[in-house]
Amino acid sequence: MKIMKSKIGIEELTTGSKAIIVGYKTAYGGYVGKLLSKGLVVGKTLTVANTNSLGNMVEIVVEKQLVSLSKPEADALYVTMLKED
């Protein structure tokens, strides 16, 4: 896996994309605690499992667990995309 350099929002990823959590958007400060309680800490690798067609939910896999995120929770994450070699 190769780490891409840019910091992006999780909404820019597609199903099957892999990324590393690199931070949280300060505008969504109230959601950071929820993300931490779900195990979404800086340095964790995630895979996008599913995005709702309405755009109001994202499902990701972190450490072999499926985690559902509301749109505001997903929007609060900054990630760096991983690219297959």
N, C-alpha and C. Protein backbone atom coordinates (compact mmCIF):
# COMPACT_ATOMS: atom_id res chain seq x y z
N MET A 1 0.84 -1.18 0.00
CA MET A 1 0.00 0.00 0.00
C MET A 1 0.88 1.24 0.00
N LYS A 2 0.42 2.22 -0.70
CA LYS A 2 1.13 3.49 -0.81
C LYS A 2 0.24 4.58 -0.21
N ILE A 3 0.80 5.41 0.65
CA ILE A 3 0.04 6.49 1.28
C ILE A 3 0.07 7.70 0.36
N MET A 4 -1.11 8.21 0.03
CA MET A 4 -1.21 9.43 -0.76
C MET A 4 -0.99 10.62 0.18
N LYS A 5 -0.55 11.74 -0.33
CA LYS A 5 -0.16 12.87 0.51
C LYS A 5 -1.30 13.77 0.96
N SER A 6 -2.36 13.88 0.20
CA SER A 6 -3.39 14.87 0.51
C SER A 6 -4.34 14.42 1.63
N LYS A 7 -4.79 15.38 2.41
CA LYS A 7 -5.77 15.18 3.47
C LYS A 7 -7.14 15.49 2.87
N ILE A 8 -8.04 14.50 2.89
CA ILE A 8 -9.36 14.67 2.27
C ILE A 8 -10.46 14.29 3.26
N GLY A 9 -11.68 14.61 2.89
CA GLY A 9 -12.83 14.17 3.66
C GLY A 9 -13.25 12.78 3.23
N ILE A 10 -13.85 12.03 4.12
CA ILE A 10 -14.26 10.67 3.82
C ILE A 10 -15.31 10.64 2.69
N GLU A 11 -16.03 11.74 2.51
CA GLU A 11 -17.05 11.81 1.46
C GLU A 11 -16.45 11.71 0.06
N GLU A 12 -15.15 11.92 -0.07
CA GLU A 12 -14.49 11.83 -1.37
C GLU A 12 -14.08 10.40 -1.73
N LEU A 13 -14.25 9.46 -0.80
CA LEU A 13 -13.90 8.07 -1.05
C LEU A 13 -15.07 7.32 -1.65
N THR A 14 -14.77 6.28 -2.39
CA THR A 14 -15.81 5.42 -2.98
C THR A 14 -15.78 4.07 -2.28
N THR A 15 -16.81 3.27 -2.49
CA THR A 15 -16.89 1.94 -1.91
C THR A 15 -15.64 1.14 -2.27
N GLY A 16 -15.04 0.53 -1.27
CA GLY A 16 -13.83 -0.26 -1.46
C GLY A 16 -12.54 0.51 -1.23
N SER A 17 -12.63 1.84 -1.14
CA SER A 17 -11.44 2.66 -0.91
C SER A 17 -10.90 2.42 0.49
N LYS A 18 -9.57 2.48 0.62
CA LYS A 18 -8.91 2.35 1.91
C LYS A 18 -8.25 3.68 2.26
N ALA A 19 -8.25 4.00 3.54
CA ALA A 19 -7.67 5.27 3.98
C ALA A 19 -7.20 5.15 5.43
N ILE A 20 -6.39 6.11 5.82
CA ILE A 20 -5.93 6.22 7.21
C ILE A 20 -6.52 7.50 7.80
N ILE A 21 -7.03 7.40 9.01
CA ILE A 21 -7.57 8.59 9.70
C ILE A 21 -6.39 9.47 10.11
N VAL A 22 -6.45 10.75 9.70
CA VAL A 22 -5.35 11.67 10.01
C VAL A 22 -5.79 12.86 10.87
N GLY A 23 -7.09 13.00 11.12
CA GLY A 23 -7.53 14.11 11.96
C GLY A 23 -9.03 14.31 11.91
N TYR A 24 -9.46 15.40 12.54
CA TYR A 24 -10.87 15.72 12.64
C TYR A 24 -11.08 17.18 12.27
N LYS A 25 -12.18 17.48 11.64
CA LYS A 25 -12.51 18.86 11.28
C LYS A 25 -13.04 19.58 12.52
N THR A 26 -12.47 20.72 12.83
CA THR A 26 -12.84 21.43 14.06
C THR A 26 -14.27 21.94 14.04
N ALA A 27 -14.82 22.19 12.88
CA ALA A 27 -16.20 22.66 12.79
C ALA A 27 -17.18 21.61 13.31
N TYR A 28 -16.74 20.36 13.36
CA TYR A 28 -17.60 19.26 13.81
C TYR A 28 -17.14 18.75 15.17
N GLY A 29 -16.67 19.63 16.02
CA GLY A 29 -16.11 19.26 17.32
C GLY A 29 -17.01 18.39 18.17
N GLY A 30 -18.30 18.59 18.10
CA GLY A 30 -19.23 17.79 18.89
C GLY A 30 -19.26 16.33 18.50
N TYR A 31 -18.81 16.02 17.30
CA TYR A 31 -18.84 14.64 16.83
C TYR A 31 -17.54 13.90 17.11
N VAL A 32 -16.49 14.60 17.48
CA VAL A 32 -15.20 13.95 17.70
C VAL A 32 -15.30 12.90 18.81
N GLY A 33 -15.99 13.21 19.90
CA GLY A 33 -16.16 12.25 20.98
C GLY A 33 -16.87 10.99 20.52
N LYS A 34 -17.89 11.14 19.68
CA LYS A 34 -18.60 9.97 19.15
C LYS A 34 -17.67 9.11 18.29
N LEU A 35 -16.84 9.78 17.48
CA LEU A 35 -15.91 9.05 16.62
C LEU A 35 -14.89 8.29 17.46
N LEU A 36 -14.37 8.94 18.48
CA LEU A 36 -13.40 8.28 19.36
C LEU A 36 -14.02 7.09 20.06
N SER A 37 -15.27 7.22 20.48
CA SER A 37 -15.94 6.11 21.17
C SER A 37 -16.19 4.92 20.24
N LYS A 38 -16.20 5.18 18.94
CA LYS A 38 -16.36 4.10 17.96
C LYS A 38 -15.01 3.53 17.52
N GLY A 39 -13.93 4.01 18.15
CA GLY A 39 -12.60 3.50 17.83
C GLY A 39 -11.94 4.15 16.64
N LEU A 40 -12.49 5.27 16.19
CA LEU A 40 -11.96 5.96 15.01
C LEU A 40 -10.92 6.99 15.44
N VAL A 41 -9.74 6.51 15.77
CA VAL A 41 -8.65 7.36 16.25
C VAL A 41 -7.62 7.56 15.14
N VAL A 42 -6.86 8.63 15.26
CA VAL A 42 -5.83 8.94 14.27
C VAL A 42 -4.88 7.75 14.15
N GLY A 43 -4.60 7.38 12.90
CA GLY A 43 -3.69 6.27 12.61
C GLY A 43 -4.39 4.98 12.24
N LYS A 44 -5.70 4.87 12.51
CA LYS A 44 -6.44 3.66 12.15
C LYS A 44 -6.71 3.62 10.66
N THR A 45 -6.66 2.42 10.11
CA THR A 45 -6.97 2.22 8.70
C THR A 45 -8.43 1.82 8.58
N LEU A 46 -9.11 2.36 7.58
CA LEU A 46 -10.51 2.03 7.34
C LEU A 46 -10.72 1.68 5.87
N THR A 47 -11.79 0.95 5.62
CA THR A 47 -12.23 0.64 4.27
C THR A 47 -13.69 1.05 4.14
N VAL A 48 -14.04 1.76 3.09
CA VAL A 48 -15.43 2.15 2.87
C VAL A 48 -16.19 0.93 2.38
N ALA A 49 -17.21 0.51 3.15
CA ALA A 49 -17.99 -0.67 2.80
C ALA A 49 -19.22 -0.31 1.97
N ASN A 50 -19.83 0.82 2.29
CA ASN A 50 -21.07 1.18 1.61
C ASN A 50 -21.37 2.66 1.85
N THR A 51 -21.89 3.31 0.84
CA THR A 51 -22.38 4.67 1.00
C THR A 51 -23.86 4.67 0.62
N ASN A 52 -24.66 5.26 1.44
CA ASN A 52 -26.09 5.36 1.20
C ASN A 52 -26.34 6.24 -0.02
N SER A 53 -27.24 5.82 -0.88
CA SER A 53 -27.51 6.59 -2.10
C SER A 53 -28.04 7.99 -1.81
N LEU A 54 -28.63 8.19 -0.65
CA LEU A 54 -29.12 9.51 -0.27
C LEU A 54 -28.00 10.37 0.33
N GLY A 55 -26.87 9.76 0.60
CA GLY A 55 -25.74 10.49 1.14
C GLY A 55 -25.82 10.79 2.61
N ASN A 56 -26.73 10.13 3.34
CA ASN A 56 -26.87 10.44 4.76
C ASN A 56 -26.24 9.41 5.69
N MET A 57 -25.56 8.39 5.13
CA MET A 57 -24.91 7.39 5.96
C MET A 57 -23.75 6.76 5.20
N VAL A 58 -22.70 6.43 5.94
CA VAL A 58 -21.54 5.75 5.38
C VAL A 58 -21.22 4.57 6.29
N GLU A 59 -20.95 3.41 5.69
CA GLU A 59 -20.51 2.26 6.47
C GLU A 59 -19.05 2.00 6.15
N ILE A 60 -18.26 1.84 7.20
CA ILE A 60 -16.83 1.58 7.03
C ILE A 60 -16.45 0.35 7.84
N VAL A 61 -15.34 -0.26 7.48
CA VAL A 61 -14.80 -1.38 8.24
C VAL A 61 -13.50 -0.90 8.89
N VAL A 62 -13.44 -1.06 10.21
CA VAL A 62 -12.26 -0.71 10.99
C VAL A 62 -11.96 -1.90 11.88
N GLU A 63 -10.76 -2.45 11.74
CA GLU A 63 -10.35 -3.62 12.54
C GLU A 63 -11.40 -4.73 12.49
N LYS A 64 -11.84 -5.07 11.31
CA LYS A 64 -12.78 -6.16 11.04
C LYS A 64 -14.18 -5.92 11.62
N GLN A 65 -14.48 -4.69 12.00
CA GLN A 65 -15.81 -4.36 12.50
C GLN A 65 -16.48 -3.36 11.57
N LEU A 66 -17.75 -3.60 11.29
CA LEU A 66 -18.53 -2.69 10.47
C LEU A 66 -19.04 -1.56 11.36
N VAL A 67 -18.75 -0.32 10.96
CA VAL A 67 -19.15 0.86 11.73
C VAL A 67 -20.00 1.75 10.84
N SER A 68 -21.19 2.11 11.30
CA SER A 68 -22.07 3.02 10.56
C SER A 68 -21.87 4.43 11.06
N LEU A 69 -21.71 5.36 10.12
CA LEU A 69 -21.52 6.77 10.46
C LEU A 69 -22.63 7.60 9.83
N SER A 70 -23.18 8.52 10.60
CA SER A 70 -24.12 9.48 10.03
C SER A 70 -23.32 10.45 9.17
N LYS A 71 -23.99 11.22 8.35
CA LYS A 71 -23.29 12.19 7.49
C LYS A 71 -22.44 13.17 8.31
N PRO A 72 -22.98 13.76 9.40
CA PRO A 72 -22.13 14.68 10.17
C PRO A 72 -20.91 13.99 10.78
N GLU A 73 -21.06 12.74 11.22
CA GLU A 73 -19.91 12.01 11.77
C GLU A 73 -18.86 11.78 10.67
N ALA A 74 -19.32 11.33 9.51
CA ALA A 74 -18.41 11.09 8.39
C ALA A 74 -17.73 12.39 7.96
N ASP A 75 -18.49 13.47 7.93
CA ASP A 75 -17.94 14.77 7.52
C ASP A 75 -16.88 15.29 8.49
N ALA A 76 -16.91 14.81 9.73
CA ALA A 76 -15.95 15.28 10.73
C ALA A 76 -14.57 14.64 10.59
N LEU A 77 -14.44 13.61 9.76
CA LEU A 77 -13.16 12.91 9.61
C LEU A 77 -12.31 13.46 8.48
N TYR A 78 -11.01 13.56 8.74
CA TYR A 78 -10.02 13.79 7.69
C TYR A 78 -9.26 12.49 7.51
N VAL A 79 -9.07 12.08 6.26
CA VAL A 79 -8.34 10.86 5.97
C VAL A 79 -7.31 11.09 4.88
N THR A 80 -6.37 10.18 4.77
CA THR A 80 -5.43 10.14 3.66
C THR A 80 -5.65 8.82 2.96
N MET A 81 -5.90 8.88 1.67
CA MET A 81 -6.22 7.68 0.91
C MET A 81 -5.00 6.78 0.74
N LEU A 82 -5.25 5.47 0.82
CA LEU A 82 -4.20 4.48 0.53
C LEU A 82 -4.42 3.98 -0.89
N LYS A 83 -3.35 3.77 -1.59
CA LYS A 83 -3.44 3.30 -2.97
C LYS A 83 -2.68 1.99 -3.09
N GLU A 84 -3.28 1.02 -3.78
CA GLU A 84 -2.61 -0.25 -4.02
C GLU A 84 -1.38 -0.03 -4.86
N ASP A 85 -0.31 -0.73 -4.57
CA ASP A 85 0.93 -0.63 -5.37
C ASP A 85 0.77 -1.26 -6.74
